[in-house]
Structures are given as C-alpha cells and as structure tokens.
Amino acid sequence: MSLEMIVQKPPFPYEEYQTRLREAFPCGHVMRTFCASRDTRQRWLIREQCLGCGKLFRRQLPFSVLGDAAPESLPDCDFATAQRYDSTYYPAALFFRDRFAAARVKAWWSQYCTYLESDEWRERSRATIAAARGICTYCRQRPAVQAHHICYARVGCEHPDDLRAICLHCHRQEHPQMNPEAT
C-alpha cells in the first residue's frame, strides 16, 4: 500500500483570531481602575474595570492591593457599562470563533473528499468489504458497497477497526444530515 495520507483539521488559528478581536476591540485595557461591589452575602469584592471600554475583569483581587484604603473608598463597579461591553464583545468573539472553525471544517472536508478519491482509500474500502464477506455489518441483509468510518480520528491511516462494511441504506441512516431525502 502507498504512503499513508494524513487527513486532519488544520490547527485553530488562535493568533489570527486574537488579531481580529483586537482590530474589532482595540481598547487594550491599559487604563484600569480598582472598583468595589458587594456579593450576595454583602462581602466586599475588589475588581478592576477598564476606564476606556468598561470591561469588568472577573478576577477578584485581594484586599492587599488597596494598601491602607478601605473598600468603601473605591468607586462602585459600573455594571451597566460592563454589560454594554460584554453584549458586544462576546457575540463578536463567538462570530470570529465560528468563522475560523467553519474554515477548518471546510479544509478538513476538502482533504477527506480528496482522500476518498484515492487508490489508497479504494483499497482499504475493498479490504473492509471483503473482510465482511460482502455483507453489510449493520443490517446483515444487503450487500455492502462502501466502507464506513466509525472513527474519524485516524482518517488516512485507519486501523481496520475504524471501518465497517455498509450498504447504501444503512449508510444513509448513519449520516441523516447528508441524506437529501431527509430534508
């Protein structure tokens, strides 16, 4: 058999993702101030808030950052401004994440489809069907005409246990999202 073809999603482009977020939200949070609030049990919480955009940093700070000052002397945390920041930042972060994730999936599917056209895959598929004596391993009634990946972790260098001989009917059942008749 030929050299094994490795099919895998490209890594998530974290640096590019961070760059896009910095372009959309250029604040940088360099102008921070301490602020105070009380929790549900009326205990003081000391946090930082960006004066530029309003981001409220989630990490609770120790009282030692105040020196000799009392928590009462700090400004109140501006939750309304923090909420406005959160309501724009997090949807944008999810949008960029989903966009990069979709590109990764598209790249993977492109590699996978190329692999399914290869001689290497045809040989693996034939061997899987032959090992099942040409019968679908799911329904055990119809002739197996394809090999089905039950695990996509090693596509391109599959173990024999990663594949099952399958008939078209059962393969459609295994992948209803790809079945045009199901929609």
N, C-alpha and C. Protein backbone atom coordinates (compact mmCIF):
# COMPACT_ATOMS: atom_id res chain seq x y z
N MET A 1 0.85 -1.19 0.00
CA MET A 1 0.00 0.00 0.00
C MET A 1 0.89 1.25 0.00
N SER A 2 0.38 2.32 -0.52
CA SER A 2 1.15 3.55 -0.66
C SER A 2 1.37 4.23 0.70
N LEU A 3 2.13 5.30 0.67
CA LEU A 3 2.31 6.09 1.89
C LEU A 3 0.95 6.53 2.40
N GLU A 4 0.81 6.52 3.70
CA GLU A 4 -0.49 6.87 4.27
C GLU A 4 -0.75 8.36 4.14
N MET A 5 -1.95 8.67 3.73
CA MET A 5 -2.37 10.07 3.55
C MET A 5 -2.99 10.53 4.86
N ILE A 6 -2.47 11.58 5.42
CA ILE A 6 -2.98 12.09 6.69
C ILE A 6 -4.04 13.15 6.40
N VAL A 7 -5.22 12.94 6.96
CA VAL A 7 -6.32 13.88 6.81
C VAL A 7 -6.66 14.40 8.20
N GLN A 8 -6.44 15.68 8.41
CA GLN A 8 -6.75 16.24 9.72
C GLN A 8 -7.10 17.72 9.58
N LYS A 9 -7.88 18.18 10.55
CA LYS A 9 -8.22 19.60 10.55
C LYS A 9 -6.97 20.41 10.79
N PRO A 10 -6.84 21.53 10.09
CA PRO A 10 -5.72 22.40 10.42
C PRO A 10 -5.90 22.95 11.83
N PRO A 11 -4.83 23.35 12.49
CA PRO A 11 -4.98 23.88 13.85
C PRO A 11 -5.80 25.17 13.85
N PHE A 12 -6.44 25.43 14.97
CA PHE A 12 -7.21 26.67 15.09
C PHE A 12 -6.23 27.84 15.04
N PRO A 13 -6.49 28.83 14.17
CA PRO A 13 -5.55 29.96 14.04
C PRO A 13 -5.74 30.97 15.16
N TYR A 14 -5.27 30.60 16.35
CA TYR A 14 -5.53 31.41 17.54
C TYR A 14 -4.96 32.82 17.42
N GLU A 15 -3.76 32.95 16.87
CA GLU A 15 -3.16 34.28 16.73
C GLU A 15 -3.98 35.16 15.81
N GLU A 16 -4.45 34.60 14.70
CA GLU A 16 -5.28 35.37 13.77
C GLU A 16 -6.61 35.74 14.42
N TYR A 17 -7.16 34.80 15.19
CA TYR A 17 -8.41 35.05 15.94
C TYR A 17 -8.21 36.23 16.90
N GLN A 18 -7.11 36.21 17.66
CA GLN A 18 -6.82 37.29 18.60
C GLN A 18 -6.61 38.62 17.87
N THR A 19 -5.96 38.57 16.71
CA THR A 19 -5.74 39.79 15.92
C THR A 19 -7.07 40.39 15.48
N ARG A 20 -7.98 39.54 15.01
CA ARG A 20 -9.30 40.04 14.60
C ARG A 20 -10.05 40.67 15.76
N LEU A 21 -9.97 40.05 16.92
CA LEU A 21 -10.64 40.62 18.09
C LEU A 21 -10.01 41.95 18.49
N ARG A 22 -8.68 42.04 18.43
CA ARG A 22 -8.02 43.30 18.76
C ARG A 22 -8.38 44.39 17.76
N GLU A 23 -8.57 44.02 16.48
CA GLU A 23 -8.99 45.01 15.48
C GLU A 23 -10.41 45.49 15.77
N ALA A 24 -11.27 44.58 16.16
CA ALA A 24 -12.67 44.93 16.44
C ALA A 24 -12.81 45.66 17.78
N PHE A 25 -11.94 45.33 18.74
CA PHE A 25 -11.98 45.93 20.08
C PHE A 25 -10.57 46.40 20.44
N PRO A 26 -10.16 47.56 19.92
CA PRO A 26 -8.77 47.99 20.05
C PRO A 26 -8.38 48.59 21.40
N CYS A 27 -9.26 48.58 22.38
CA CYS A 27 -9.00 49.27 23.64
C CYS A 27 -7.67 48.89 24.27
N GLY A 28 -7.40 47.62 24.44
CA GLY A 28 -6.15 47.20 25.09
C GLY A 28 -6.20 47.22 26.60
N HIS A 29 -7.22 47.86 27.19
CA HIS A 29 -7.46 47.87 28.64
C HIS A 29 -6.26 48.39 29.43
N VAL A 30 -5.62 49.43 28.94
CA VAL A 30 -4.45 49.98 29.64
C VAL A 30 -4.85 50.94 30.76
N MET A 31 -6.04 51.52 30.68
CA MET A 31 -6.49 52.46 31.73
C MET A 31 -7.47 51.73 32.65
N ARG A 32 -6.91 51.07 33.65
CA ARG A 32 -7.74 50.30 34.58
C ARG A 32 -7.80 51.01 35.92
N THR A 33 -8.89 50.76 36.60
CA THR A 33 -9.03 51.30 37.95
C THR A 33 -9.62 50.20 38.83
N PHE A 34 -9.31 50.29 40.11
CA PHE A 34 -9.95 49.38 41.06
C PHE A 34 -11.36 49.86 41.30
N CYS A 35 -12.26 48.92 41.47
CA CYS A 35 -13.64 49.26 41.83
C CYS A 35 -14.13 48.22 42.83
N ALA A 36 -15.22 48.54 43.48
CA ALA A 36 -15.72 47.66 44.53
C ALA A 36 -17.21 47.39 44.32
N SER A 37 -17.61 46.23 44.77
CA SER A 37 -19.03 45.87 44.80
C SER A 37 -19.21 44.89 45.94
N ARG A 38 -20.44 44.55 46.19
CA ARG A 38 -20.72 43.57 47.25
C ARG A 38 -21.38 42.35 46.62
N ASP A 39 -21.04 41.19 47.18
CA ASP A 39 -21.67 39.97 46.69
C ASP A 39 -23.03 39.77 47.38
N THR A 40 -23.66 38.65 47.13
CA THR A 40 -25.00 38.40 47.69
C THR A 40 -24.99 38.30 49.21
N ARG A 41 -23.83 38.01 49.79
CA ARG A 41 -23.73 37.94 51.25
C ARG A 41 -23.17 39.24 51.83
N GLN A 42 -23.16 40.30 51.00
CA GLN A 42 -22.72 41.64 51.39
C GLN A 42 -21.24 41.73 51.73
N ARG A 43 -20.44 40.80 51.19
CA ARG A 43 -18.99 40.89 51.35
C ARG A 43 -18.43 41.76 50.24
N TRP A 44 -17.40 42.52 50.55
CA TRP A 44 -16.77 43.38 49.55
C TRP A 44 -15.99 42.54 48.54
N LEU A 45 -16.11 42.93 47.28
CA LEU A 45 -15.33 42.34 46.19
C LEU A 45 -14.55 43.47 45.54
N ILE A 46 -13.26 43.27 45.38
CA ILE A 46 -12.40 44.26 44.73
C ILE A 46 -12.04 43.71 43.35
N ARG A 47 -12.29 44.53 42.33
CA ARG A 47 -12.00 44.10 40.96
C ARG A 47 -11.40 45.26 40.19
N GLU A 48 -11.05 45.00 38.96
CA GLU A 48 -10.55 46.05 38.07
C GLU A 48 -11.56 46.27 36.96
N GLN A 49 -11.64 47.53 36.52
CA GLN A 49 -12.51 47.86 35.40
C GLN A 49 -11.75 48.80 34.48
N CYS A 50 -11.89 48.57 33.17
CA CYS A 50 -11.23 49.41 32.18
C CYS A 50 -12.00 50.73 32.06
N LEU A 51 -11.30 51.83 32.18
CA LEU A 51 -11.94 53.14 32.04
C LEU A 51 -12.25 53.46 30.58
N GLY A 52 -11.54 52.81 29.65
CA GLY A 52 -11.75 53.07 28.23
C GLY A 52 -13.01 52.43 27.67
N CYS A 53 -13.19 51.14 27.94
CA CYS A 53 -14.31 50.42 27.32
C CYS A 53 -15.33 49.90 28.32
N GLY A 54 -14.97 49.85 29.59
CA GLY A 54 -15.91 49.39 30.60
C GLY A 54 -15.79 47.93 30.97
N LYS A 55 -14.86 47.20 30.34
CA LYS A 55 -14.72 45.79 30.67
C LYS A 55 -14.45 45.64 32.16
N LEU A 56 -15.24 44.76 32.78
CA LEU A 56 -15.06 44.45 34.19
C LEU A 56 -14.33 43.12 34.27
N PHE A 57 -13.13 43.14 34.83
CA PHE A 57 -12.33 41.93 34.91
C PHE A 57 -12.89 41.03 36.00
N ARG A 58 -13.05 39.78 35.67
CA ARG A 58 -13.76 38.84 36.54
C ARG A 58 -12.97 38.44 37.78
N ARG A 59 -11.66 38.51 37.69
CA ARG A 59 -10.84 38.05 38.81
C ARG A 59 -11.00 38.96 40.01
N GLN A 60 -11.34 38.36 41.12
CA GLN A 60 -11.45 39.10 42.37
C GLN A 60 -10.05 39.34 42.92
N LEU A 61 -9.77 40.57 43.33
CA LEU A 61 -8.44 40.93 43.82
C LEU A 61 -8.39 40.87 45.34
N PRO A 62 -7.20 40.61 45.90
CA PRO A 62 -7.08 40.59 47.36
C PRO A 62 -7.13 42.02 47.90
N PHE A 63 -7.53 42.16 49.13
CA PHE A 63 -7.61 43.49 49.78
C PHE A 63 -6.24 44.15 49.87
N SER A 64 -5.19 43.36 49.80
CA SER A 64 -3.85 43.92 49.93
C SER A 64 -3.53 44.92 48.81
N VAL A 65 -4.23 44.86 47.67
CA VAL A 65 -3.97 45.82 46.59
C VAL A 65 -4.38 47.23 47.00
N LEU A 66 -5.22 47.35 48.03
CA LEU A 66 -5.71 48.66 48.45
C LEU A 66 -4.74 49.38 49.38
N GLY A 67 -3.77 48.67 49.88
CA GLY A 67 -2.88 49.29 50.87
C GLY A 67 -3.66 49.58 52.13
N ASP A 68 -3.66 50.86 52.55
CA ASP A 68 -4.38 51.25 53.76
C ASP A 68 -5.80 51.73 53.47
N ALA A 69 -6.17 51.80 52.19
CA ALA A 69 -7.50 52.31 51.83
C ALA A 69 -8.58 51.27 52.16
N ALA A 70 -9.78 51.77 52.40
CA ALA A 70 -10.91 50.90 52.69
C ALA A 70 -11.68 50.64 51.39
N PRO A 71 -12.34 49.49 51.26
CA PRO A 71 -13.11 49.20 50.06
C PRO A 71 -14.19 50.26 49.79
N GLU A 72 -14.72 50.85 50.84
CA GLU A 72 -15.76 51.88 50.69
C GLU A 72 -15.25 53.10 49.93
N SER A 73 -13.93 53.30 49.94
CA SER A 73 -13.37 54.48 49.29
C SER A 73 -13.25 54.31 47.77
N LEU A 74 -13.40 53.09 47.28
CA LEU A 74 -13.31 52.84 45.84
C LEU A 74 -14.61 53.20 45.14
N PRO A 75 -14.53 53.55 43.86
CA PRO A 75 -15.78 53.76 43.11
C PRO A 75 -16.50 52.43 42.94
N ASP A 76 -17.80 52.51 42.80
CA ASP A 76 -18.59 51.31 42.54
C ASP A 76 -18.27 50.78 41.15
N CYS A 77 -18.33 49.48 41.01
CA CYS A 77 -18.17 48.88 39.69
C CYS A 77 -19.33 49.35 38.82
N ASP A 78 -19.04 49.74 37.59
CA ASP A 78 -20.07 50.22 36.67
C ASP A 78 -20.59 49.03 35.86
N PHE A 79 -21.61 48.39 36.42
CA PHE A 79 -22.13 47.17 35.79
C PHE A 79 -22.85 47.46 34.48
N ALA A 80 -23.46 48.61 34.33
CA ALA A 80 -24.16 48.94 33.08
C ALA A 80 -23.16 49.05 31.93
N THR A 81 -22.04 49.72 32.16
CA THR A 81 -21.02 49.85 31.12
C THR A 81 -20.39 48.49 30.83
N ALA A 82 -20.16 47.71 31.87
CA ALA A 82 -19.60 46.37 31.69
C ALA A 82 -20.55 45.50 30.88
N GLN A 83 -21.85 45.63 31.13
CA GLN A 83 -22.84 44.86 30.38
C GLN A 83 -22.84 45.26 28.91
N ARG A 84 -22.72 46.56 28.62
CA ARG A 84 -22.66 47.02 27.23
C ARG A 84 -21.44 46.43 26.53
N TYR A 85 -20.30 46.44 27.22
CA TYR A 85 -19.09 45.85 26.66
C TYR A 85 -19.30 44.36 26.37
N ASP A 86 -19.78 43.64 27.37
CA ASP A 86 -19.99 42.19 27.23
C ASP A 86 -20.97 41.87 26.10
N SER A 87 -22.00 42.71 25.95
CA SER A 87 -23.03 42.42 24.95
C SER A 87 -22.53 42.65 23.52
N THR A 88 -21.40 43.31 23.35
CA THR A 88 -20.81 43.43 22.02
C THR A 88 -19.60 42.53 21.85
N TYR A 89 -18.78 42.42 22.89
CA TYR A 89 -17.54 41.64 22.77
C TYR A 89 -17.82 40.15 22.58
N TYR A 90 -18.63 39.56 23.43
CA TYR A 90 -18.81 38.11 23.38
C TYR A 90 -19.51 37.64 22.11
N PRO A 91 -20.53 38.32 21.59
CA PRO A 91 -21.06 37.90 20.30
C PRO A 91 -20.02 38.00 19.17
N ALA A 92 -19.19 39.04 19.21
CA ALA A 92 -18.14 39.17 18.19
C ALA A 92 -17.12 38.04 18.33
N ALA A 93 -16.73 37.72 19.55
CA ALA A 93 -15.77 36.64 19.77
C ALA A 93 -16.33 35.32 19.26
N LEU A 94 -17.61 35.06 19.52
CA LEU A 94 -18.23 33.84 19.03
C LEU A 94 -18.33 33.82 17.51
N PHE A 95 -18.63 34.99 16.92
CA PHE A 95 -18.71 35.09 15.47
C PHE A 95 -17.36 34.72 14.85
N PHE A 96 -16.27 35.32 15.34
CA PHE A 96 -14.95 35.03 14.79
C PHE A 96 -14.57 33.58 15.03
N ARG A 97 -14.85 33.07 16.23
CA ARG A 97 -14.54 31.67 16.52
C ARG A 97 -15.25 30.74 15.56
N ASP A 98 -16.55 30.98 15.35
CA ASP A 98 -17.33 30.13 14.46
C ASP A 98 -16.84 30.23 13.01
N ARG A 99 -16.44 31.44 12.61
CA ARG A 99 -15.95 31.63 11.25
C ARG A 99 -14.65 30.85 11.02
N PHE A 100 -13.73 30.92 11.98
CA PHE A 100 -12.48 30.17 11.85
C PHE A 100 -12.74 28.67 11.96
N ALA A 101 -13.66 28.27 12.81
CA ALA A 101 -13.98 26.85 12.94
C ALA A 101 -14.58 26.31 11.65
N ALA A 102 -15.46 27.09 11.02
CA ALA A 102 -16.07 26.67 9.75
C ALA A 102 -15.00 26.51 8.67
N ALA A 103 -14.04 27.40 8.65
CA ALA A 103 -12.94 27.29 7.67
C ALA A 103 -12.13 26.02 7.91
N ARG A 104 -11.93 25.67 9.18
CA ARG A 104 -11.19 24.44 9.50
C ARG A 104 -11.97 23.22 9.03
N VAL A 105 -13.28 23.22 9.27
CA VAL A 105 -14.11 22.09 8.85
C VAL A 105 -14.10 21.97 7.33
N LYS A 106 -14.22 23.11 6.65
CA LYS A 106 -14.20 23.10 5.19
C LYS A 106 -12.88 22.53 4.67
N ALA A 107 -11.77 22.92 5.27
CA ALA A 107 -10.47 22.40 4.86
C ALA A 107 -10.39 20.89 5.10
N TRP A 108 -10.94 20.44 6.23
CA TRP A 108 -10.92 19.01 6.53
C TRP A 108 -11.74 18.25 5.50
N TRP A 109 -12.95 18.73 5.20
CA TRP A 109 -13.80 18.04 4.23
C TRP A 109 -13.15 17.99 2.85
N SER A 110 -12.46 19.04 2.49
CA SER A 110 -11.76 19.05 1.20
C SER A 110 -10.70 17.95 1.16
N GLN A 111 -9.90 17.85 2.23
CA GLN A 111 -8.89 16.79 2.30
C GLN A 111 -9.55 15.40 2.31
N TYR A 112 -10.64 15.28 3.06
CA TYR A 112 -11.33 14.00 3.18
C TYR A 112 -11.88 13.54 1.83
N CYS A 113 -12.51 14.45 1.09
CA CYS A 113 -13.06 14.10 -0.22
C CYS A 113 -11.95 13.71 -1.19
N THR A 114 -10.82 14.39 -1.12
CA THR A 114 -9.67 14.02 -1.95
C THR A 114 -9.20 12.62 -1.58
N TYR A 115 -9.15 12.35 -0.28
CA TYR A 115 -8.74 11.03 0.18
C TYR A 115 -9.69 9.94 -0.32
N LEU A 116 -11.00 10.22 -0.29
CA LEU A 116 -11.98 9.21 -0.74
C LEU A 116 -11.86 8.92 -2.23
N GLU A 117 -11.19 9.76 -2.97
CA GLU A 117 -10.95 9.52 -4.39
C GLU A 117 -9.63 8.79 -4.65
N SER A 118 -8.86 8.56 -3.62
CA SER A 118 -7.52 7.99 -3.79
C SER A 118 -7.56 6.46 -3.95
N ASP A 119 -6.51 5.94 -4.58
CA ASP A 119 -6.36 4.49 -4.71
C ASP A 119 -6.21 3.84 -3.34
N GLU A 120 -5.54 4.54 -2.46
CA GLU A 120 -5.33 4.03 -1.10
C GLU A 120 -6.68 3.77 -0.41
N TRP A 121 -7.62 4.72 -0.51
CA TRP A 121 -8.93 4.54 0.09
C TRP A 121 -9.69 3.41 -0.59
N ARG A 122 -9.63 3.36 -1.92
CA ARG A 122 -10.34 2.30 -2.64
C ARG A 122 -9.87 0.92 -2.15
N GLU A 123 -8.56 0.78 -1.96
CA GLU A 123 -8.01 -0.49 -1.48
C GLU A 123 -8.50 -0.79 -0.05
N ARG A 124 -8.48 0.20 0.82
CA ARG A 124 -8.98 -0.02 2.19
C ARG A 124 -10.46 -0.37 2.20
N SER A 125 -11.21 0.32 1.37
CA SER A 125 -12.65 0.07 1.28
C SER A 125 -12.90 -1.36 0.80
N ARG A 126 -12.19 -1.77 -0.27
CA ARG A 126 -12.35 -3.14 -0.79
C ARG A 126 -11.98 -4.17 0.27
N ALA A 127 -10.90 -3.92 1.01
CA ALA A 127 -10.47 -4.86 2.04
C ALA A 127 -11.51 -4.96 3.17
N THR A 128 -12.12 -3.83 3.52
CA THR A 128 -13.14 -3.83 4.58
C THR A 128 -14.37 -4.62 4.14
N ILE A 129 -14.79 -4.41 2.90
CA ILE A 129 -15.96 -5.13 2.36
C ILE A 129 -15.65 -6.62 2.26
N ALA A 130 -14.45 -6.93 1.80
CA ALA A 130 -14.06 -8.35 1.68
C ALA A 130 -14.01 -9.02 3.05
N ALA A 131 -13.51 -8.32 4.06
CA ALA A 131 -13.45 -8.90 5.40
C ALA A 131 -14.84 -9.20 5.95
N ALA A 132 -15.84 -8.44 5.50
CA ALA A 132 -17.23 -8.68 5.94
C ALA A 132 -17.95 -9.63 5.00
N ARG A 133 -17.20 -10.25 4.09
CA ARG A 133 -17.75 -11.19 3.09
C ARG A 133 -18.83 -10.54 2.24
N GLY A 134 -18.70 -9.21 2.03
CA GLY A 134 -19.60 -8.51 1.13
C GLY A 134 -20.98 -8.21 1.70
N ILE A 135 -21.18 -8.44 2.99
CA ILE A 135 -22.49 -8.23 3.62
C ILE A 135 -22.39 -7.03 4.56
N CYS A 136 -23.43 -6.20 4.57
CA CYS A 136 -23.48 -5.03 5.45
C CYS A 136 -23.38 -5.48 6.91
N THR A 137 -22.47 -4.88 7.64
CA THR A 137 -22.28 -5.26 9.04
C THR A 137 -23.34 -4.63 9.96
N TYR A 138 -24.19 -3.77 9.42
CA TYR A 138 -25.24 -3.14 10.22
C TYR A 138 -26.54 -3.94 10.13
N CYS A 139 -27.04 -4.12 8.92
CA CYS A 139 -28.32 -4.83 8.78
C CYS A 139 -28.13 -6.33 8.55
N ARG A 140 -26.95 -6.74 8.10
CA ARG A 140 -26.62 -8.13 7.78
C ARG A 140 -27.58 -8.75 6.76
N GLN A 141 -28.16 -7.89 5.90
CA GLN A 141 -29.10 -8.38 4.88
C GLN A 141 -28.70 -7.98 3.48
N ARG A 142 -28.28 -6.75 3.31
CA ARG A 142 -27.98 -6.22 1.98
C ARG A 142 -26.49 -6.31 1.69
N PRO A 143 -26.14 -6.26 0.41
CA PRO A 143 -24.73 -6.27 0.05
C PRO A 143 -24.04 -4.98 0.50
N ALA A 144 -22.86 -5.12 1.04
CA ALA A 144 -22.05 -3.95 1.41
C ALA A 144 -21.40 -3.41 0.15
N VAL A 145 -21.53 -2.10 -0.04
CA VAL A 145 -20.96 -1.47 -1.23
C VAL A 145 -19.98 -0.36 -0.88
N GLN A 146 -19.87 -0.03 0.40
CA GLN A 146 -18.98 1.05 0.84
C GLN A 146 -18.37 0.66 2.18
N ALA A 147 -17.30 1.38 2.53
CA ALA A 147 -16.73 1.27 3.87
C ALA A 147 -17.13 2.54 4.61
N HIS A 148 -17.49 2.37 5.86
CA HIS A 148 -17.96 3.49 6.68
C HIS A 148 -16.98 3.73 7.81
N HIS A 149 -16.56 4.99 7.98
CA HIS A 149 -15.70 5.35 9.11
C HIS A 149 -16.55 5.42 10.38
N ILE A 150 -16.22 4.63 11.38
CA ILE A 150 -16.91 4.78 12.66
C ILE A 150 -16.10 5.70 13.57
N CYS A 151 -14.89 6.00 13.14
CA CYS A 151 -13.99 6.89 13.87
C CYS A 151 -13.22 7.70 12.84
N TYR A 152 -13.22 9.02 13.01
CA TYR A 152 -12.53 9.89 12.06
C TYR A 152 -11.17 10.37 12.58
N ALA A 153 -10.76 9.87 13.72
CA ALA A 153 -9.51 10.34 14.33
C ALA A 153 -8.28 9.97 13.51
N ARG A 154 -8.35 8.86 12.78
CA ARG A 154 -7.16 8.40 12.05
C ARG A 154 -7.43 8.31 10.55
N VAL A 155 -8.24 9.19 10.02
CA VAL A 155 -8.53 9.15 8.58
C VAL A 155 -7.24 9.30 7.82
N GLY A 156 -7.02 8.37 6.90
CA GLY A 156 -5.79 8.37 6.12
C GLY A 156 -4.81 7.32 6.62
N CYS A 157 -4.94 6.95 7.88
CA CYS A 157 -4.12 5.86 8.43
C CYS A 157 -4.98 5.05 9.39
N GLU A 158 -6.15 4.65 8.88
CA GLU A 158 -7.14 3.95 9.70
C GLU A 158 -6.65 2.59 10.16
N HIS A 159 -7.11 2.19 11.31
CA HIS A 159 -6.99 0.80 11.74
C HIS A 159 -8.17 0.06 11.13
N PRO A 160 -8.05 -1.23 10.92
CA PRO A 160 -9.19 -1.97 10.38
C PRO A 160 -10.46 -1.84 11.24
N ASP A 161 -10.28 -1.65 12.54
CA ASP A 161 -11.45 -1.50 13.43
C ASP A 161 -12.15 -0.15 13.27
N ASP A 162 -11.54 0.80 12.55
CA ASP A 162 -12.15 2.11 12.33
C ASP A 162 -13.18 2.08 11.21
N LEU A 163 -13.23 0.98 10.45
CA LEU A 163 -14.09 0.91 9.27
C LEU A 163 -15.08 -0.24 9.38
N ARG A 164 -16.25 -0.04 8.81
CA ARG A 164 -17.27 -1.09 8.73
C ARG A 164 -17.80 -1.16 7.31
N ALA A 165 -18.02 -2.38 6.82
CA ALA A 165 -18.66 -2.57 5.53
C ALA A 165 -20.14 -2.21 5.69
N ILE A 166 -20.68 -1.48 4.72
CA ILE A 166 -22.03 -0.96 4.90
C ILE A 166 -22.76 -0.87 3.55
N CYS A 167 -24.07 -1.07 3.60
CA CYS A 167 -24.90 -0.90 2.40
C CYS A 167 -25.32 0.56 2.29
N LEU A 168 -25.81 0.97 1.15
CA LEU A 168 -26.22 2.36 0.96
C LEU A 168 -27.33 2.77 1.92
N HIS A 169 -28.31 1.90 2.12
CA HIS A 169 -29.44 2.21 3.01
C HIS A 169 -28.94 2.50 4.43
N CYS A 170 -28.12 1.64 4.96
CA CYS A 170 -27.61 1.83 6.33
C CYS A 170 -26.67 3.03 6.40
N HIS A 171 -25.92 3.28 5.32
CA HIS A 171 -25.02 4.43 5.34
C HIS A 171 -25.83 5.73 5.40
N ARG A 172 -26.95 5.76 4.69
CA ARG A 172 -27.83 6.95 4.78
C ARG A 172 -28.38 7.10 6.20
N GLN A 173 -28.67 5.98 6.84
CA GLN A 173 -29.17 6.03 8.23
C GLN A 173 -28.10 6.56 9.18
N GLU A 174 -26.85 6.21 8.91
CA GLU A 174 -25.75 6.66 9.76
C GLU A 174 -25.45 8.15 9.58
N HIS A 175 -25.76 8.69 8.40
CA HIS A 175 -25.49 10.10 8.09
C HIS A 175 -26.76 10.80 7.61
N PRO A 176 -27.78 10.93 8.46
CA PRO A 176 -29.03 11.56 8.02
C PRO A 176 -28.85 13.01 7.57
N GLN A 177 -27.86 13.72 8.13
CA GLN A 177 -27.63 15.11 7.76
C GLN A 177 -27.14 15.23 6.32
N MET A 178 -26.62 14.15 5.74
CA MET A 178 -26.12 14.18 4.38
C MET A 178 -27.10 13.55 3.40
N ASN A 179 -28.26 13.13 3.89
CA ASN A 179 -29.26 12.48 3.07
C ASN A 179 -30.23 13.52 2.52
N PRO A 180 -30.21 13.81 1.22
CA PRO A 180 -31.10 14.84 0.68
C PRO A 180 -32.58 14.48 0.84
N GLU A 181 -32.90 13.21 0.96
CA GLU A 181 -34.30 12.82 1.11
C GLU A 181 -34.82 13.12 2.51
N ALA A 182 -33.93 13.29 3.47
CA ALA A 182 -34.34 13.53 4.86
C ALA A 182 -34.79 14.97 5.08
N THR A 183 -34.45 15.86 4.17
CA THR A 183 -34.82 17.27 4.37
C THR A 183 -36.10 17.62 3.68
